[in-house]
Amino acid sequence: MGFGNNPFVSKAQSAEQRAQDAADGGARERAWRDAGRLWERAAERENDPKRRASYEAKAQRARDAADGPSPSPEIPSTETLASLGVSFGGQKPN
């Protein structure tokens, strides 16, 4: 890390990546809340008003993502399942 860099920016970006890669809703929510907290800390340490406003907006977006519904997993069609060899009640669909 170079002199003058805000360490919380990279930490917040990492937390956002963890949130996007999370396998379950609880982990996703915690990671988004962590990202929001880290963006707030980055904003507190920022001297440039434009960057500070940007970091505050990112913090709010992360908190909104934590509060919002988690994306539902895609349900495969019966044709896709049949092509994978999944049986339905002991029988394959026609």
C-alpha atoms as a PDB file:
ATOM      1  CA  MET A   1       0.000   0.000   0.000  1.00  0.00           C
ATOM      2  CA  GLY A   2       1.403   3.343  -0.973  1.00  0.00           C
ATOM      3  CA  PHE A   3       1.534   6.458   1.104  1.00  0.00           C
ATOM      4  CA  GLY A   4      -1.770   8.299   1.235  1.00  0.00           C
ATOM      5  CA  ASN A   5      -3.929   5.424  -0.010  1.00  0.00           C
ATOM      6  CA  ASN A   6      -7.176   4.758   1.796  1.00  0.00           C
ATOM      7  CA  PRO A   7      -6.940   1.125   2.989  1.00  0.00           C
ATOM      8  CA  PHE A   8     -10.689   0.824   3.504  1.00  0.00           C
ATOM      9  CA  VAL A   9     -11.438   1.143  -0.219  1.00  0.00           C
ATOM     10  CA  SER A  10      -9.800  -2.183  -1.086  1.00  0.00           C
ATOM     11  CA  LYS A  11     -11.314  -3.805   2.008  1.00  0.00           C
ATOM     12  CA  ALA A  12     -14.801  -2.618   1.001  1.00  0.00           C
ATOM     13  CA  GLN A  13     -14.305  -3.858  -2.553  1.00  0.00           C
ATOM     14  CA  SER A  14     -13.228  -7.234  -1.185  1.00  0.00           C
ATOM     15  CA  ALA A  15     -16.324  -7.387   1.040  1.00  0.00           C
ATOM     16  CA  GLU A  16     -18.537  -6.611  -1.971  1.00  0.00           C
ATOM     17  CA  GLN A  17     -16.897  -9.470  -3.872  1.00  0.00           C
ATOM     18  CA  ARG A  18     -17.522 -11.824  -0.928  1.00  0.00           C
ATOM     19  CA  ALA A  19     -21.178 -10.730  -0.900  1.00  0.00           C
ATOM     20  CA  GLN A  20     -21.564 -11.457  -4.597  1.00  0.00           C
ATOM     21  CA  ASP A  21     -19.924 -14.874  -4.198  1.00  0.00           C
ATOM     22  CA  ALA A  22     -21.789 -15.872  -1.017  1.00  0.00           C
ATOM     23  CA  ALA A  23     -23.565 -19.195  -1.169  1.00  0.00           C
ATOM     24  CA  ASP A  24     -26.397 -18.479   1.263  1.00  0.00           C
ATOM     25  CA  GLY A  25     -28.544 -15.516   2.234  1.00  0.00           C
ATOM     26  CA  GLY A  26     -27.123 -15.052   5.719  1.00  0.00           C
ATOM     27  CA  ALA A  27     -23.546 -14.874   4.510  1.00  0.00           C
ATOM     28  CA  ARG A  28     -24.583 -12.547   1.694  1.00  0.00           C
ATOM     29  CA  GLU A  29     -26.337 -10.170   4.100  1.00  0.00           C
ATOM     30  CA  ARG A  30     -23.377 -10.104   6.513  1.00  0.00           C
ATOM     31  CA  ALA A  31     -20.919  -9.437   3.693  1.00  0.00           C
ATOM     32  CA  TRP A  32     -23.044  -6.567   2.304  1.00  0.00           C
ATOM     33  CA  ARG A  33     -23.324  -5.047   5.804  1.00  0.00           C
ATOM     34  CA  ASP A  34     -19.568  -5.376   6.224  1.00  0.00           C
ATOM     35  CA  ALA A  35     -19.048  -3.678   2.851  1.00  0.00           C
ATOM     36  CA  GLY A  36     -21.356  -0.828   3.874  1.00  0.00           C
ATOM     37  CA  ARG A  37     -19.460  -0.338   7.133  1.00  0.00           C
ATOM     38  CA  LEU A  38     -16.113  -0.350   5.307  1.00  0.00           C
ATOM     39  CA  TRP A  39     -17.335   2.155   2.698  1.00  0.00           C
ATOM     40  CA  GLU A  40     -18.410   4.413   5.588  1.00  0.00           C
ATOM     41  CA  ARG A  41     -14.934   4.147   7.109  1.00  0.00           C
ATOM     42  CA  ALA A  42     -13.390   4.924   3.722  1.00  0.00           C
ATOM     43  CA  ALA A  43     -15.628   8.011   3.460  1.00  0.00           C
ATOM     44  CA  GLU A  44     -14.594   9.172   6.946  1.00  0.00           C
ATOM     45  CA  ARG A  45     -10.919   9.063   5.981  1.00  0.00           C
ATOM     46  CA  GLU A  46     -11.348  10.699   2.578  1.00  0.00           C
ATOM     47  CA  ASN A  47     -10.368  14.345   2.130  1.00  0.00           C
ATOM     48  CA  ASP A  48     -11.705  14.780  -1.425  1.00  0.00           C
ATOM     49  CA  PRO A  49     -15.426  15.738  -1.255  1.00  0.00           C
ATOM     50  CA  LYS A  50     -16.271  13.970  -4.543  1.00  0.00           C
ATOM     51  CA  ARG A  51     -14.714  10.701  -3.420  1.00  0.00           C
ATOM     52  CA  ARG A  52     -16.300  11.037   0.011  1.00  0.00           C
ATOM     53  CA  ALA A  53     -19.745  11.424  -1.590  1.00  0.00           C
ATOM     54  CA  SER A  54     -19.049   8.452  -3.861  1.00  0.00           C
ATOM     55  CA  TYR A  55     -18.020   6.257  -0.916  1.00  0.00           C
ATOM     56  CA  GLU A  56     -21.085   7.308   1.072  1.00  0.00           C
ATOM     57  CA  ALA A  57     -23.305   6.401  -1.891  1.00  0.00           C
ATOM     58  CA  LYS A  58     -21.594   3.011  -2.151  1.00  0.00           C
ATOM     59  CA  ALA A  59     -22.133   2.467   1.582  1.00  0.00           C
ATOM     60  CA  GLN A  60     -25.845   3.173   1.203  1.00  0.00           C
ATOM     61  CA  ARG A  61     -26.080   0.888  -1.840  1.00  0.00           C
ATOM     62  CA  ALA A  62     -24.371  -1.916   0.119  1.00  0.00           C
ATOM     63  CA  ARG A  63     -26.770  -1.486   3.054  1.00  0.00           C
ATOM     64  CA  ASP A  64     -29.718  -1.513   0.641  1.00  0.00           C
ATOM     65  CA  ALA A  65     -28.393  -4.729  -0.901  1.00  0.00           C
ATOM     66  CA  ALA A  66     -28.188  -6.283   2.572  1.00  0.00           C
ATOM     67  CA  ASP A  67     -31.787  -5.300   3.318  1.00  0.00           C
ATOM     68  CA  GLY A  68     -33.140  -6.331  -0.081  1.00  0.00           C
ATOM     69  CA  PRO A  69     -34.301  -9.767  -1.158  1.00  0.00           C
ATOM     70  CA  SER A  70     -31.626 -12.265  -1.993  1.00  0.00           C
ATOM     71  CA  PRO A  71     -31.606 -13.469  -5.589  1.00  0.00           C
ATOM     72  CA  SER A  72     -33.515 -16.703  -6.010  1.00  0.00           C
ATOM     73  CA  PRO A  73     -31.666 -19.575  -7.611  1.00  0.00           C
ATOM     74  CA  GLU A  74     -32.632 -20.470 -11.144  1.00  0.00           C
ATOM     75  CA  ILE A  75     -34.852 -23.564 -11.291  1.00  0.00           C
ATOM     76  CA  PRO A  76     -33.867 -25.843 -14.174  1.00  0.00           C
ATOM     77  CA  SER A  77     -36.519 -27.020 -16.596  1.00  0.00           C
ATOM     78  CA  THR A  78     -37.617 -30.665 -16.717  1.00  0.00           C
ATOM     79  CA  GLU A  79     -35.874 -31.012 -20.093  1.00  0.00           C
ATOM     80  CA  THR A  80     -32.590 -29.861 -18.575  1.00  0.00           C
ATOM     81  CA  LEU A  81     -32.995 -32.242 -15.656  1.00  0.00           C
ATOM     82  CA  ALA A  82     -33.874 -35.110 -17.993  1.00  0.00           C
ATOM     83  CA  SER A  83     -30.800 -34.409 -20.132  1.00  0.00           C
ATOM     84  CA  LEU A  84     -28.728 -34.704 -16.948  1.00  0.00           C
ATOM     85  CA  GLY A  85     -30.279 -38.082 -16.197  1.00  0.00           C
ATOM     86  CA  VAL A  86     -32.420 -36.981 -13.259  1.00  0.00           C
ATOM     87  CA  SER A  87     -35.388 -39.318 -12.750  1.00  0.00           C
ATOM     88  CA  PHE A  88     -38.869 -38.169 -11.782  1.00  0.00           C
ATOM     89  CA  GLY A  89     -40.543 -40.621  -9.413  1.00  0.00           C
ATOM     90  CA  GLY A  90     -38.542 -43.500 -10.811  1.00  0.00           C
ATOM     91  CA  GLN A  91     -39.506 -42.654 -14.410  1.00  0.00           C
ATOM     92  CA  LYS A  92     -37.958 -40.425 -17.026  1.00  0.00           C
ATOM     93  CA  PRO A  93     -40.281 -37.882 -18.647  1.00  0.00           C
ATOM     94  CA  ASN A  94     -41.232 -38.419 -22.261  1.00  0.00           C
END
